[in-house]
Every structure is written in C-alpha cells, then in structure tokens.
Amino acid sequence: MIKRVFDIFFSLFGIVFFGPVMIACGLAVLVSSRGPIFFRQERIGMNFRVFQILKFRSMVVDAPKLGEQVTVSGDPRVTTVGRVLRKTKLDELPQLFNVLMGDMSFVGPRPEVPEYVNMFRDDYTKLLSVRPGITDIASITYRNEETILAAAADPKHAYATEVLPEKIRLGKLYIDQQSIVLDIRLLVMTVLKIVGVEWDETP
C-alpha cells in the first residue's frame, strides 16, 4: 500500500516536473524522423496481465520487423536522436504514465515481452507477483547491456541464455529483499549511474 502511494505521488510529481523535458523530447523525435512520437510495446505485468509499455520512439518505424527484439550498441535501427535518448534514459520518461496507471512501479523487475516470459514462465510466476518496474538491481547491473550484446556472435541467443537468466536471478533477489528503503536506494543508484557516477556496492 505504501509503495503504491509512493508510486502515485512521485509519478504525478515527475510528470509535472519533467513535463517540459518530455515536450522537448517529443518534439525532437517528431522533427528528426518519420513516425509516431511514442513507442508502444506489449509487455507482461503483474499476475501476467498484458499492458502497453510507453517510451519515446528511439528507432525507425517498423524496427521490430527489421531485426531482433534485442538491441545492440550501434544498431542501425536507432535514430540519431534516439541514441541520445537511450544513452540518457530519457526515452523511459513516458513510463511515468505506466506507473501512474498502475501497470508498473518505480522499482521492480523490468517487464519483458511475451516471448521471453513464456520461455521462463516458472521463474516469472515469482517475478510477476509484484508490479514490474522502471528500474531494479538488474537494470543497474546491466546498464551497458547493448554493449555487452554487441560483443556476442548471436545477440538474441546471448540474451536468452546468459543475460536474461541473470536478470531473473537478480529480480528474485530484489523480491526477497524488497522494502521502501531498498527502493529509494535503487532509485538513487540509478540516477547516479545515468549521470556517470559509479557505485559498485551491490544492493
């Protein structure tokens, strides 16, 4: 209950506070490449409920049809503006609306696409006992996920067999340890990572 109140209050605050930034990001996307401002994708939420995750579009139109669902560093589908949005994580700001609507929380295991949830369904039974989040331990650990996958011979295979299983393990670790104090700590660590401050201590 406390966590949901926290999510509602700070998502509303974030929408107002970052409103001008989101307007600027939306205009940058709109004028820099053909297509919609927002990217919507089906993800699996708490109790396996399907929802549409919101992001600023950082790739060309029909990008999912032009390559794999995983994105690697240097992916040609990413637009010039999109590279900046992804590097700064500004593309994630529209997820404040997902948090406000109850699809997501600020902190929780990152929501996955149906393909990977079905692949690890037993594991996701535990992970999806809570709302998925904008950030969590795995998001911080794999801040440079695109670079890691770019070094793999088969990025999709590497994600499914190496990266995702570790993300699932870290997601379970979060659920076992979750508290409002841990959530605040992870939010601070996420912001520090985005601005380039290294904090190697594991939550």
N, C-alpha and C. Protein backbone atom coordinates (compact mmCIF):
# COMPACT_ATOMS: atom_id res chain seq x y z
N MET A 1 0.83 -1.20 0.00
CA MET A 1 0.00 0.00 0.00
C MET A 1 0.87 1.26 0.00
N ILE A 2 1.90 1.27 0.89
CA ILE A 2 2.80 2.42 0.97
C ILE A 2 3.53 2.61 -0.35
N LYS A 3 3.94 1.49 -0.97
CA LYS A 3 4.66 1.58 -2.24
C LYS A 3 3.77 2.17 -3.33
N ARG A 4 2.50 1.79 -3.36
CA ARG A 4 1.60 2.31 -4.39
C ARG A 4 1.36 3.80 -4.18
N VAL A 5 1.22 4.23 -2.94
CA VAL A 5 1.05 5.66 -2.65
C VAL A 5 2.30 6.41 -3.10
N PHE A 6 3.46 5.85 -2.82
CA PHE A 6 4.74 6.43 -3.25
C PHE A 6 4.76 6.56 -4.78
N ASP A 7 4.35 5.49 -5.47
CA ASP A 7 4.35 5.49 -6.94
C ASP A 7 3.41 6.56 -7.50
N ILE A 8 2.22 6.66 -6.95
CA ILE A 8 1.24 7.63 -7.45
C ILE A 8 1.74 9.06 -7.23
N PHE A 9 2.19 9.34 -6.02
CA PHE A 9 2.63 10.70 -5.70
C PHE A 9 3.81 11.12 -6.56
N PHE A 10 4.84 10.27 -6.64
CA PHE A 10 6.05 10.68 -7.35
C PHE A 10 5.92 10.56 -8.86
N SER A 11 5.01 9.72 -9.36
CA SER A 11 4.77 9.71 -10.81
C SER A 11 4.07 11.00 -11.22
N LEU A 12 3.11 11.46 -10.43
CA LEU A 12 2.46 12.74 -10.69
C LEU A 12 3.46 13.89 -10.62
N PHE A 13 4.29 13.86 -9.58
CA PHE A 13 5.32 14.88 -9.43
C PHE A 13 6.27 14.85 -10.63
N GLY A 14 6.68 13.64 -11.03
CA GLY A 14 7.61 13.50 -12.15
C GLY A 14 7.03 13.99 -13.46
N ILE A 15 5.75 13.70 -13.69
CA ILE A 15 5.09 14.14 -14.92
C ILE A 15 5.07 15.66 -15.00
N VAL A 16 4.79 16.31 -13.86
CA VAL A 16 4.77 17.78 -13.83
C VAL A 16 6.18 18.34 -13.95
N PHE A 17 7.10 17.79 -13.16
CA PHE A 17 8.48 18.31 -13.11
C PHE A 17 9.19 18.12 -14.44
N PHE A 18 9.03 16.91 -15.03
CA PHE A 18 9.72 16.62 -16.29
C PHE A 18 8.86 16.94 -17.51
N GLY A 19 7.70 17.57 -17.28
CA GLY A 19 6.82 17.91 -18.40
C GLY A 19 7.53 18.65 -19.52
N PRO A 20 8.24 19.75 -19.21
CA PRO A 20 8.96 20.48 -20.27
C PRO A 20 10.00 19.62 -20.99
N VAL A 21 10.67 18.74 -20.23
CA VAL A 21 11.68 17.86 -20.85
C VAL A 21 11.00 16.88 -21.79
N MET A 22 9.86 16.33 -21.36
CA MET A 22 9.14 15.37 -22.21
C MET A 22 8.61 16.04 -23.47
N ILE A 23 8.16 17.28 -23.35
CA ILE A 23 7.69 18.00 -24.53
C ILE A 23 8.86 18.21 -25.51
N ALA A 24 10.03 18.58 -24.97
CA ALA A 24 11.21 18.77 -25.82
C ALA A 24 11.63 17.47 -26.49
N CYS A 25 11.60 16.37 -25.73
CA CYS A 25 11.96 15.07 -26.29
C CYS A 25 10.98 14.67 -27.39
N GLY A 26 9.69 14.88 -27.14
CA GLY A 26 8.68 14.54 -28.12
C GLY A 26 8.85 15.32 -29.41
N LEU A 27 9.13 16.61 -29.29
CA LEU A 27 9.34 17.43 -30.48
C LEU A 27 10.60 16.99 -31.24
N ALA A 28 11.64 16.63 -30.50
CA ALA A 28 12.88 16.17 -31.14
C ALA A 28 12.64 14.90 -31.94
N VAL A 29 11.86 13.98 -31.39
CA VAL A 29 11.53 12.75 -32.09
C VAL A 29 10.69 13.06 -33.33
N LEU A 30 9.73 13.94 -33.16
CA LEU A 30 8.79 14.27 -34.23
C LEU A 30 9.48 14.88 -35.44
N VAL A 31 10.40 15.81 -35.21
CA VAL A 31 11.02 16.53 -36.33
C VAL A 31 12.23 15.81 -36.91
N SER A 32 12.76 14.81 -36.18
CA SER A 32 14.00 14.18 -36.63
C SER A 32 13.81 12.94 -37.49
N SER A 33 12.64 12.32 -37.40
CA SER A 33 12.42 11.10 -38.19
C SER A 33 10.93 10.84 -38.38
N ARG A 34 10.62 10.14 -39.44
CA ARG A 34 9.22 9.83 -39.74
C ARG A 34 8.67 8.82 -38.74
N GLY A 35 7.45 9.06 -38.29
CA GLY A 35 6.80 8.10 -37.40
C GLY A 35 6.23 8.75 -36.17
N PRO A 36 5.61 7.95 -35.30
CA PRO A 36 4.97 8.47 -34.09
C PRO A 36 6.00 8.90 -33.05
N ILE A 37 5.56 9.72 -32.11
CA ILE A 37 6.45 10.16 -31.03
C ILE A 37 6.72 9.03 -30.05
N PHE A 38 5.68 8.27 -29.75
CA PHE A 38 5.81 7.22 -28.74
C PHE A 38 5.96 5.83 -29.37
N PHE A 39 6.71 5.00 -28.66
CA PHE A 39 6.83 3.58 -28.99
C PHE A 39 6.02 2.81 -27.97
N ARG A 40 5.12 1.99 -28.45
CA ARG A 40 4.30 1.17 -27.57
C ARG A 40 4.59 -0.30 -27.86
N GLN A 41 4.75 -1.07 -26.82
CA GLN A 41 5.05 -2.49 -27.00
C GLN A 41 4.35 -3.31 -25.92
N GLU A 42 3.87 -4.46 -26.31
CA GLU A 42 3.19 -5.34 -25.37
C GLU A 42 4.19 -5.95 -24.40
N ARG A 43 3.93 -5.77 -23.13
CA ARG A 43 4.74 -6.38 -22.08
C ARG A 43 3.82 -7.11 -21.12
N ILE A 44 4.42 -7.98 -20.31
CA ILE A 44 3.65 -8.76 -19.34
C ILE A 44 3.87 -8.18 -17.95
N GLY A 45 2.77 -7.81 -17.29
CA GLY A 45 2.85 -7.18 -15.99
C GLY A 45 2.47 -8.11 -14.85
N MET A 46 2.17 -7.52 -13.71
CA MET A 46 1.86 -8.28 -12.51
C MET A 46 0.72 -9.26 -12.76
N ASN A 47 0.90 -10.47 -12.25
CA ASN A 47 -0.08 -11.55 -12.43
C ASN A 47 -0.34 -11.87 -13.90
N PHE A 48 0.70 -11.65 -14.72
CA PHE A 48 0.68 -11.97 -16.16
C PHE A 48 -0.34 -11.13 -16.93
N ARG A 49 -0.65 -9.96 -16.41
CA ARG A 49 -1.56 -9.08 -17.13
C ARG A 49 -0.80 -8.33 -18.23
N VAL A 50 -1.35 -8.33 -19.42
CA VAL A 50 -0.70 -7.68 -20.57
C VAL A 50 -0.97 -6.17 -20.51
N PHE A 51 0.07 -5.37 -20.79
CA PHE A 51 -0.11 -3.93 -20.88
C PHE A 51 0.81 -3.37 -21.96
N GLN A 52 0.60 -2.13 -22.33
CA GLN A 52 1.41 -1.47 -23.33
C GLN A 52 2.42 -0.55 -22.64
N ILE A 53 3.70 -0.86 -22.78
CA ILE A 53 4.72 0.00 -22.19
C ILE A 53 4.94 1.20 -23.11
N LEU A 54 5.20 2.35 -22.51
CA LEU A 54 5.39 3.59 -23.27
C LEU A 54 6.85 4.04 -23.21
N LYS A 55 7.38 4.42 -24.36
CA LYS A 55 8.71 5.03 -24.44
C LYS A 55 8.67 6.06 -25.56
N PHE A 56 9.60 7.00 -25.51
CA PHE A 56 9.78 7.83 -26.69
C PHE A 56 10.42 6.96 -27.77
N ARG A 57 9.93 7.09 -28.99
CA ARG A 57 10.46 6.25 -30.08
C ARG A 57 11.91 6.63 -30.35
N SER A 58 12.78 5.64 -30.27
CA SER A 58 14.21 5.87 -30.49
C SER A 58 14.72 5.13 -31.73
N MET A 59 13.83 4.41 -32.39
CA MET A 59 14.23 3.64 -33.58
C MET A 59 13.35 4.01 -34.77
N VAL A 60 13.77 3.57 -35.93
CA VAL A 60 12.99 3.85 -37.13
C VAL A 60 11.66 3.11 -37.08
N VAL A 61 10.71 3.58 -37.88
CA VAL A 61 9.40 2.93 -37.94
C VAL A 61 9.56 1.48 -38.38
N ASP A 62 8.75 0.59 -37.77
CA ASP A 62 8.77 -0.84 -38.08
C ASP A 62 10.10 -1.50 -37.73
N ALA A 63 10.81 -0.94 -36.74
CA ALA A 63 12.09 -1.52 -36.32
C ALA A 63 11.98 -2.99 -35.93
N PRO A 64 10.90 -3.42 -35.22
CA PRO A 64 10.80 -4.84 -34.85
C PRO A 64 10.78 -5.77 -36.06
N LYS A 65 10.29 -5.26 -37.20
CA LYS A 65 10.24 -6.09 -38.41
C LYS A 65 11.57 -6.12 -39.15
N LEU A 66 12.48 -5.22 -38.73
CA LEU A 66 13.77 -5.10 -39.42
C LEU A 66 14.91 -5.78 -38.67
N GLY A 67 14.60 -6.37 -37.53
CA GLY A 67 15.65 -7.03 -36.75
C GLY A 67 15.07 -7.72 -35.53
N GLU A 68 15.98 -8.14 -34.64
CA GLU A 68 15.57 -8.87 -33.45
C GLU A 68 14.96 -7.93 -32.41
N GLN A 69 14.33 -8.52 -31.38
CA GLN A 69 13.74 -7.71 -30.31
C GLN A 69 14.82 -7.14 -29.40
N VAL A 70 15.99 -7.78 -29.35
CA VAL A 70 17.08 -7.22 -28.55
C VAL A 70 17.78 -6.15 -29.38
N THR A 71 18.31 -5.15 -28.68
CA THR A 71 19.01 -4.05 -29.35
C THR A 71 20.45 -4.04 -28.90
N VAL A 72 21.36 -3.89 -29.86
CA VAL A 72 22.78 -3.88 -29.53
C VAL A 72 23.36 -2.50 -29.79
N SER A 73 24.53 -2.25 -29.19
CA SER A 73 25.21 -0.98 -29.40
C SER A 73 25.53 -0.80 -30.88
N GLY A 74 25.23 0.36 -31.42
CA GLY A 74 25.49 0.60 -32.84
C GLY A 74 24.40 0.09 -33.75
N ASP A 75 23.28 -0.34 -33.20
CA ASP A 75 22.17 -0.86 -34.01
C ASP A 75 21.73 0.21 -35.01
N PRO A 76 21.76 -0.11 -36.32
CA PRO A 76 21.42 0.90 -37.33
C PRO A 76 19.96 1.33 -37.30
N ARG A 77 19.12 0.60 -36.59
CA ARG A 77 17.71 0.97 -36.50
C ARG A 77 17.49 2.15 -35.56
N VAL A 78 18.47 2.44 -34.71
CA VAL A 78 18.35 3.54 -33.76
C VAL A 78 18.62 4.86 -34.47
N THR A 79 17.74 5.84 -34.28
CA THR A 79 17.91 7.14 -34.91
C THR A 79 18.96 7.97 -34.17
N THR A 80 19.36 9.08 -34.79
CA THR A 80 20.35 9.96 -34.16
C THR A 80 19.84 10.50 -32.84
N VAL A 81 18.61 11.01 -32.84
CA VAL A 81 18.00 11.49 -31.60
C VAL A 81 17.80 10.33 -30.64
N GLY A 82 17.45 9.18 -31.18
CA GLY A 82 17.22 8.00 -30.35
C GLY A 82 18.45 7.58 -29.56
N ARG A 83 19.62 7.75 -30.16
CA ARG A 83 20.86 7.39 -29.45
C ARG A 83 21.03 8.24 -28.20
N VAL A 84 20.72 9.52 -28.33
CA VAL A 84 20.83 10.42 -27.18
C VAL A 84 19.79 10.05 -26.12
N LEU A 85 18.57 9.79 -26.56
CA LEU A 85 17.51 9.44 -25.62
C LEU A 85 17.84 8.15 -24.88
N ARG A 86 18.36 7.17 -25.59
CA ARG A 86 18.67 5.88 -24.95
C ARG A 86 19.84 6.01 -24.00
N LYS A 87 20.87 6.78 -24.39
CA LYS A 87 22.05 6.92 -23.55
C LYS A 87 21.71 7.62 -22.24
N THR A 88 20.84 8.62 -22.31
CA THR A 88 20.46 9.39 -21.12
C THR A 88 19.25 8.80 -20.39
N LYS A 89 18.65 7.76 -20.99
CA LYS A 89 17.45 7.12 -20.46
C LYS A 89 16.22 8.02 -20.51
N LEU A 90 16.29 9.11 -21.25
CA LEU A 90 15.14 9.99 -21.39
C LEU A 90 14.00 9.30 -22.15
N ASP A 91 14.33 8.29 -22.93
CA ASP A 91 13.28 7.56 -23.65
C ASP A 91 12.34 6.84 -22.70
N GLU A 92 12.78 6.64 -21.44
CA GLU A 92 11.97 5.93 -20.46
C GLU A 92 10.97 6.83 -19.73
N LEU A 93 11.09 8.15 -19.88
CA LEU A 93 10.24 9.07 -19.11
C LEU A 93 8.74 8.81 -19.26
N PRO A 94 8.23 8.45 -20.47
CA PRO A 94 6.79 8.19 -20.58
C PRO A 94 6.29 7.06 -19.69
N GLN A 95 7.21 6.25 -19.16
CA GLN A 95 6.78 5.18 -18.27
C GLN A 95 6.26 5.72 -16.94
N LEU A 96 6.45 7.03 -16.70
CA LEU A 96 5.81 7.65 -15.54
C LEU A 96 4.30 7.48 -15.62
N PHE A 97 3.76 7.50 -16.85
CA PHE A 97 2.32 7.30 -17.03
C PHE A 97 1.96 5.85 -16.75
N ASN A 98 2.84 4.89 -17.12
CA ASN A 98 2.61 3.49 -16.79
C ASN A 98 2.55 3.29 -15.28
N VAL A 99 3.44 4.01 -14.57
CA VAL A 99 3.45 3.92 -13.10
C VAL A 99 2.17 4.51 -12.54
N LEU A 100 1.77 5.67 -13.04
CA LEU A 100 0.56 6.32 -12.54
C LEU A 100 -0.68 5.44 -12.76
N MET A 101 -0.74 4.76 -13.93
CA MET A 101 -1.90 3.92 -14.24
C MET A 101 -1.88 2.59 -13.52
N GLY A 102 -0.76 2.26 -12.86
CA GLY A 102 -0.69 1.01 -12.10
C GLY A 102 -0.14 -0.16 -12.88
N ASP A 103 0.31 0.07 -14.12
CA ASP A 103 0.92 -1.01 -14.89
C ASP A 103 2.29 -1.37 -14.34
N MET A 104 2.98 -0.33 -13.82
CA MET A 104 4.35 -0.50 -13.37
C MET A 104 4.55 0.21 -12.04
N SER A 105 5.71 -0.03 -11.45
CA SER A 105 6.15 0.67 -10.26
C SER A 105 7.46 1.36 -10.60
N PHE A 106 7.94 2.24 -9.72
CA PHE A 106 9.24 2.84 -9.97
C PHE A 106 10.33 1.77 -9.91
N VAL A 107 10.21 0.87 -8.94
CA VAL A 107 11.22 -0.16 -8.75
C VAL A 107 10.57 -1.54 -8.78
N GLY A 108 11.16 -2.44 -9.55
CA GLY A 108 10.65 -3.80 -9.68
C GLY A 108 11.31 -4.45 -10.87
N PRO A 109 11.23 -5.75 -11.00
CA PRO A 109 11.82 -6.44 -12.16
C PRO A 109 11.31 -5.83 -13.46
N ARG A 110 12.21 -5.58 -14.40
CA ARG A 110 11.81 -4.98 -15.66
C ARG A 110 10.82 -5.88 -16.41
N PRO A 111 9.76 -5.29 -16.99
CA PRO A 111 8.77 -6.09 -17.72
C PRO A 111 9.34 -6.61 -19.03
N GLU A 112 9.02 -7.85 -19.34
CA GLU A 112 9.54 -8.48 -20.56
C GLU A 112 8.44 -8.66 -21.59
N VAL A 113 8.86 -8.95 -22.81
CA VAL A 113 7.92 -9.25 -23.90
C VAL A 113 7.41 -10.68 -23.70
N PRO A 114 6.25 -11.01 -24.26
CA PRO A 114 5.66 -12.34 -24.06
C PRO A 114 6.60 -13.50 -24.42
N GLU A 115 7.39 -13.32 -25.47
CA GLU A 115 8.28 -14.40 -25.92
C GLU A 115 9.17 -14.91 -24.79
N TYR A 116 9.80 -13.99 -24.07
CA TYR A 116 10.74 -14.39 -23.03
C TYR A 116 10.03 -14.79 -21.74
N VAL A 117 8.88 -14.20 -21.47
CA VAL A 117 8.11 -14.62 -20.30
C VAL A 117 7.65 -16.07 -20.47
N ASN A 118 7.21 -16.41 -21.66
CA ASN A 118 6.79 -17.79 -21.92
C ASN A 118 7.96 -18.75 -21.84
N MET A 119 9.14 -18.29 -22.22
CA MET A 119 10.34 -19.13 -22.20
C MET A 119 10.75 -19.47 -20.76
N PHE A 120 10.51 -18.54 -19.84
CA PHE A 120 10.89 -18.73 -18.42
C PHE A 120 9.67 -18.56 -17.53
N ARG A 121 8.56 -19.17 -17.91
CA ARG A 121 7.29 -18.92 -17.24
C ARG A 121 7.32 -19.26 -15.75
N ASP A 122 7.96 -20.35 -15.37
CA ASP A 122 8.02 -20.71 -13.95
C ASP A 122 8.72 -19.62 -13.14
N ASP A 123 9.81 -19.09 -13.67
CA ASP A 123 10.53 -18.02 -12.98
C ASP A 123 9.67 -16.77 -12.88
N TYR A 124 8.94 -16.46 -13.94
CA TYR A 124 8.14 -15.24 -13.95
C TYR A 124 6.91 -15.34 -13.06
N THR A 125 6.56 -16.53 -12.64
CA THR A 125 5.47 -16.66 -11.67
C THR A 125 5.83 -15.89 -10.40
N LYS A 126 7.09 -15.98 -10.01
CA LYS A 126 7.54 -15.22 -8.83
C LYS A 126 7.78 -13.76 -9.19
N LEU A 127 8.45 -13.50 -10.32
CA LEU A 127 8.77 -12.13 -10.69
C LEU A 127 7.53 -11.27 -10.87
N LEU A 128 6.48 -11.86 -11.41
CA LEU A 128 5.27 -11.11 -11.69
C LEU A 128 4.25 -11.16 -10.54
N SER A 129 4.74 -11.53 -9.37
CA SER A 129 3.91 -11.42 -8.17
C SER A 129 3.92 -9.96 -7.68
N VAL A 130 4.81 -9.15 -8.28
CA VAL A 130 4.87 -7.72 -7.98
C VAL A 130 4.77 -6.94 -9.29
N ARG A 131 4.51 -5.65 -9.19
CA ARG A 131 4.49 -4.83 -10.40
C ARG A 131 5.90 -4.71 -10.97
N PRO A 132 6.05 -4.84 -12.28
CA PRO A 132 7.36 -4.61 -12.89
C PRO A 132 7.74 -3.15 -12.73
N GLY A 133 9.03 -2.86 -12.82
CA GLY A 133 9.48 -1.50 -12.53
C GLY A 133 10.25 -0.82 -13.64
N ILE A 134 10.46 0.48 -13.45
CA ILE A 134 11.30 1.24 -14.36
C ILE A 134 12.76 0.86 -14.15
N THR A 135 13.12 0.57 -12.90
CA THR A 135 14.49 0.18 -12.61
C THR A 135 14.50 -0.89 -11.53
N ASP A 136 15.60 -1.59 -11.43
CA ASP A 136 15.81 -2.58 -10.37
C ASP A 136 17.29 -2.92 -10.33
N ILE A 137 17.64 -3.94 -9.56
CA ILE A 137 19.06 -4.32 -9.44
C ILE A 137 19.63 -4.69 -10.80
N ALA A 138 18.87 -5.43 -11.60
CA ALA A 138 19.35 -5.87 -12.91
C ALA A 138 19.55 -4.69 -13.86
N SER A 139 18.68 -3.70 -13.79
CA SER A 139 18.82 -2.53 -14.66
C SER A 139 20.12 -1.80 -14.38
N ILE A 140 20.49 -1.74 -13.11
CA ILE A 140 21.73 -1.08 -12.73
C ILE A 140 22.93 -1.92 -13.15
N THR A 141 22.85 -3.23 -12.89
CA THR A 141 23.93 -4.13 -13.23
C THR A 141 24.18 -4.17 -14.73
N TYR A 142 23.10 -4.17 -15.50
CA TYR A 142 23.21 -4.25 -16.96
C TYR A 142 22.94 -2.90 -17.62
N ARG A 143 23.49 -1.86 -17.02
CA ARG A 143 23.36 -0.51 -17.57
C ARG A 143 23.89 -0.45 -19.02
N ASN A 144 24.93 -1.23 -19.30
CA ASN A 144 25.54 -1.26 -20.63
C ASN A 144 25.19 -2.54 -21.39
N GLU A 145 23.96 -2.97 -21.24
CA GLU A 145 23.51 -4.22 -21.86
C GLU A 145 23.72 -4.23 -23.37
N GLU A 146 23.44 -3.12 -24.04
CA GLU A 146 23.57 -3.08 -25.50
C GLU A 146 25.00 -3.33 -25.94
N THR A 147 25.97 -2.82 -25.18
CA THR A 147 27.38 -3.03 -25.50
C THR A 147 27.76 -4.49 -25.28
N ILE A 148 27.24 -5.08 -24.21
CA ILE A 148 27.51 -6.50 -23.92
C ILE A 148 26.99 -7.38 -25.04
N LEU A 149 25.77 -7.12 -25.49
CA LEU A 149 25.16 -7.93 -26.54
C LEU A 149 25.84 -7.71 -27.89
N ALA A 150 26.36 -6.51 -28.12
CA ALA A 150 27.04 -6.22 -29.38
C ALA A 150 28.30 -7.06 -29.54
N ALA A 151 28.87 -7.48 -28.42
CA ALA A 151 30.10 -8.28 -28.46
C ALA A 151 29.82 -9.77 -28.68
N ALA A 152 28.55 -10.15 -28.64
CA ALA A 152 28.18 -11.57 -28.80
C ALA A 152 28.01 -11.92 -30.27
N ALA A 153 28.37 -13.14 -30.63
CA ALA A 153 28.21 -13.61 -32.01
C ALA A 153 26.73 -13.67 -32.39
N ASP A 154 25.91 -14.07 -31.44
CA ASP A 154 24.46 -14.13 -31.64
C ASP A 154 23.79 -13.41 -30.47
N PRO A 155 23.51 -12.10 -30.62
CA PRO A 155 22.96 -11.32 -29.51
C PRO A 155 21.68 -11.88 -28.91
N LYS A 156 20.76 -12.35 -29.75
CA LYS A 156 19.50 -12.88 -29.25
C LYS A 156 19.73 -14.12 -28.39
N HIS A 157 20.62 -15.00 -28.84
CA HIS A 157 20.94 -16.22 -28.07
C HIS A 157 21.63 -15.84 -26.76
N ALA A 158 22.54 -14.87 -26.83
CA ALA A 158 23.26 -14.45 -25.63
C ALA A 158 22.29 -13.84 -24.61
N TYR A 159 21.31 -13.10 -25.09
CA TYR A 159 20.35 -12.50 -24.18
C TYR A 159 19.51 -13.59 -23.50
N ALA A 160 19.05 -14.57 -24.28
CA ALA A 160 18.16 -15.60 -23.76
C ALA A 160 18.87 -16.59 -22.85
N THR A 161 20.15 -16.83 -23.08
CA THR A 161 20.87 -17.87 -22.33
C THR A 161 21.83 -17.34 -21.27
N GLU A 162 22.21 -16.07 -21.38
CA GLU A 162 23.18 -15.52 -20.43
C GLU A 162 22.63 -14.31 -19.67
N VAL A 163 22.21 -13.30 -20.40
CA VAL A 163 21.80 -12.04 -19.76
C VAL A 163 20.47 -12.20 -19.02
N LEU A 164 19.44 -12.71 -19.71
CA LEU A 164 18.13 -12.80 -19.08
C LEU A 164 18.11 -13.71 -17.85
N PRO A 165 18.74 -14.89 -17.87
CA PRO A 165 18.74 -15.71 -16.66
C PRO A 165 19.35 -14.98 -15.45
N GLU A 166 20.38 -14.17 -15.71
CA GLU A 166 20.98 -13.41 -14.61
C GLU A 166 20.04 -12.29 -14.15
N LYS A 167 19.35 -11.67 -15.10
CA LYS A 167 18.36 -10.65 -14.73
C LYS A 167 17.25 -11.27 -13.88
N ILE A 168 16.83 -12.46 -14.25
CA ILE A 168 15.79 -13.15 -13.48
C ILE A 168 16.28 -13.43 -12.06
N ARG A 169 17.53 -13.88 -11.93
CA ARG A 169 18.10 -14.16 -10.61
C ARG A 169 18.11 -12.88 -9.76
N LEU A 170 18.52 -11.77 -10.37
CA LEU A 170 18.57 -10.51 -9.64
C LEU A 170 17.16 -10.00 -9.32
N GLY A 171 16.21 -10.28 -10.20
CA GLY A 171 14.82 -9.91 -9.92
C GLY A 171 14.28 -10.64 -8.71
N LYS A 172 14.59 -11.92 -8.62
CA LYS A 172 14.16 -12.70 -7.46
C LYS A 172 14.83 -12.20 -6.19
N LEU A 173 16.11 -11.82 -6.31
CA LEU A 173 16.84 -11.28 -5.17
C LEU A 173 16.16 -10.00 -4.67
N TYR A 174 15.72 -9.16 -5.61
CA TYR A 174 15.02 -7.93 -5.23
C TYR A 174 13.72 -8.25 -4.48
N ILE A 175 12.95 -9.19 -5.00
CA ILE A 175 11.67 -9.53 -4.37
C ILE A 175 11.89 -10.06 -2.95
N ASP A 176 12.93 -10.86 -2.77
CA ASP A 176 13.22 -11.42 -1.44
C ASP A 176 13.64 -10.34 -0.44
N GLN A 177 14.21 -9.23 -0.96
CA GLN A 177 14.75 -8.20 -0.06
C GLN A 177 13.96 -6.89 -0.10
N GLN A 178 12.90 -6.84 -0.88
CA GLN A 178 12.25 -5.55 -1.16
C GLN A 178 11.76 -4.84 0.09
N SER A 179 11.94 -3.52 0.05
CA SER A 179 11.47 -2.62 1.10
C SER A 179 11.50 -1.21 0.51
N ILE A 180 10.83 -0.28 1.14
CA ILE A 180 10.81 1.09 0.65
C ILE A 180 12.21 1.70 0.71
N VAL A 181 13.00 1.29 1.71
CA VAL A 181 14.37 1.78 1.84
C VAL A 181 15.21 1.29 0.66
N LEU A 182 15.06 0.01 0.31
CA LEU A 182 15.81 -0.54 -0.83
C LEU A 182 15.37 0.15 -2.11
N ASP A 183 14.08 0.40 -2.26
CA ASP A 183 13.59 1.07 -3.47
C ASP A 183 14.22 2.45 -3.62
N ILE A 184 14.26 3.22 -2.56
CA ILE A 184 14.86 4.55 -2.62
C ILE A 184 16.34 4.45 -2.96
N ARG A 185 16.99 3.48 -2.36
CA ARG A 185 18.43 3.28 -2.62
C ARG A 185 18.67 2.94 -4.08
N LEU A 186 17.83 2.08 -4.66
CA LEU A 186 17.99 1.70 -6.06
C LEU A 186 17.69 2.87 -7.00
N LEU A 187 16.72 3.70 -6.63
CA LEU A 187 16.43 4.89 -7.43
C LEU A 187 17.61 5.84 -7.44
N VAL A 188 18.23 6.03 -6.27
CA VAL A 188 19.41 6.90 -6.18
C VAL A 188 20.55 6.33 -7.01
N MET A 189 20.78 5.02 -6.90
CA MET A 189 21.84 4.38 -7.66
C MET A 189 21.60 4.49 -9.17
N THR A 190 20.35 4.39 -9.58
CA THR A 190 20.00 4.51 -10.99
C THR A 190 20.35 5.90 -11.51
N VAL A 191 19.96 6.93 -10.76
CA VAL A 191 20.26 8.30 -11.17
C VAL A 191 21.77 8.52 -11.24
N LEU A 192 22.50 8.01 -10.26
CA LEU A 192 23.95 8.16 -10.26
C LEU A 192 24.59 7.49 -11.46
N LYS A 193 24.08 6.31 -11.81
CA LYS A 193 24.60 5.61 -12.99
C LYS A 193 24.35 6.41 -14.26
N ILE A 194 23.17 7.01 -14.36
CA ILE A 194 22.82 7.77 -15.56
C ILE A 194 23.74 8.97 -15.73
N VAL A 195 24.08 9.63 -14.61
CA VAL A 195 24.96 10.81 -14.71
C VAL A 195 26.44 10.44 -14.69
N GLY A 196 26.73 9.14 -14.65
CA GLY A 196 28.11 8.70 -14.79
C GLY A 196 28.87 8.50 -13.51
N VAL A 197 28.17 8.48 -12.37
CA VAL A 197 28.83 8.24 -11.09
C VAL A 197 28.78 6.75 -10.79
N GLU A 198 29.93 6.14 -10.60
CA GLU A 198 30.00 4.71 -10.35
C GLU A 198 29.77 4.40 -8.88
N TRP A 199 28.92 3.41 -8.63
CA TRP A 199 28.66 2.93 -7.27
C TRP A 199 28.59 1.42 -7.39
N ASP A 200 29.68 0.76 -7.03
CA ASP A 200 29.80 -0.68 -7.28
C ASP A 200 29.23 -1.56 -6.19
N GLU A 201 28.81 -0.94 -5.09
CA GLU A 201 28.25 -1.73 -3.99
C GLU A 201 26.95 -2.41 -4.43
N THR A 202 26.86 -3.70 -4.22
CA THR A 202 25.67 -4.47 -4.60
C THR A 202 24.59 -4.30 -3.55
N PRO A 203 23.36 -3.98 -3.98
CA PRO A 203 22.27 -3.82 -3.01
C PRO A 203 22.04 -5.11 -2.22
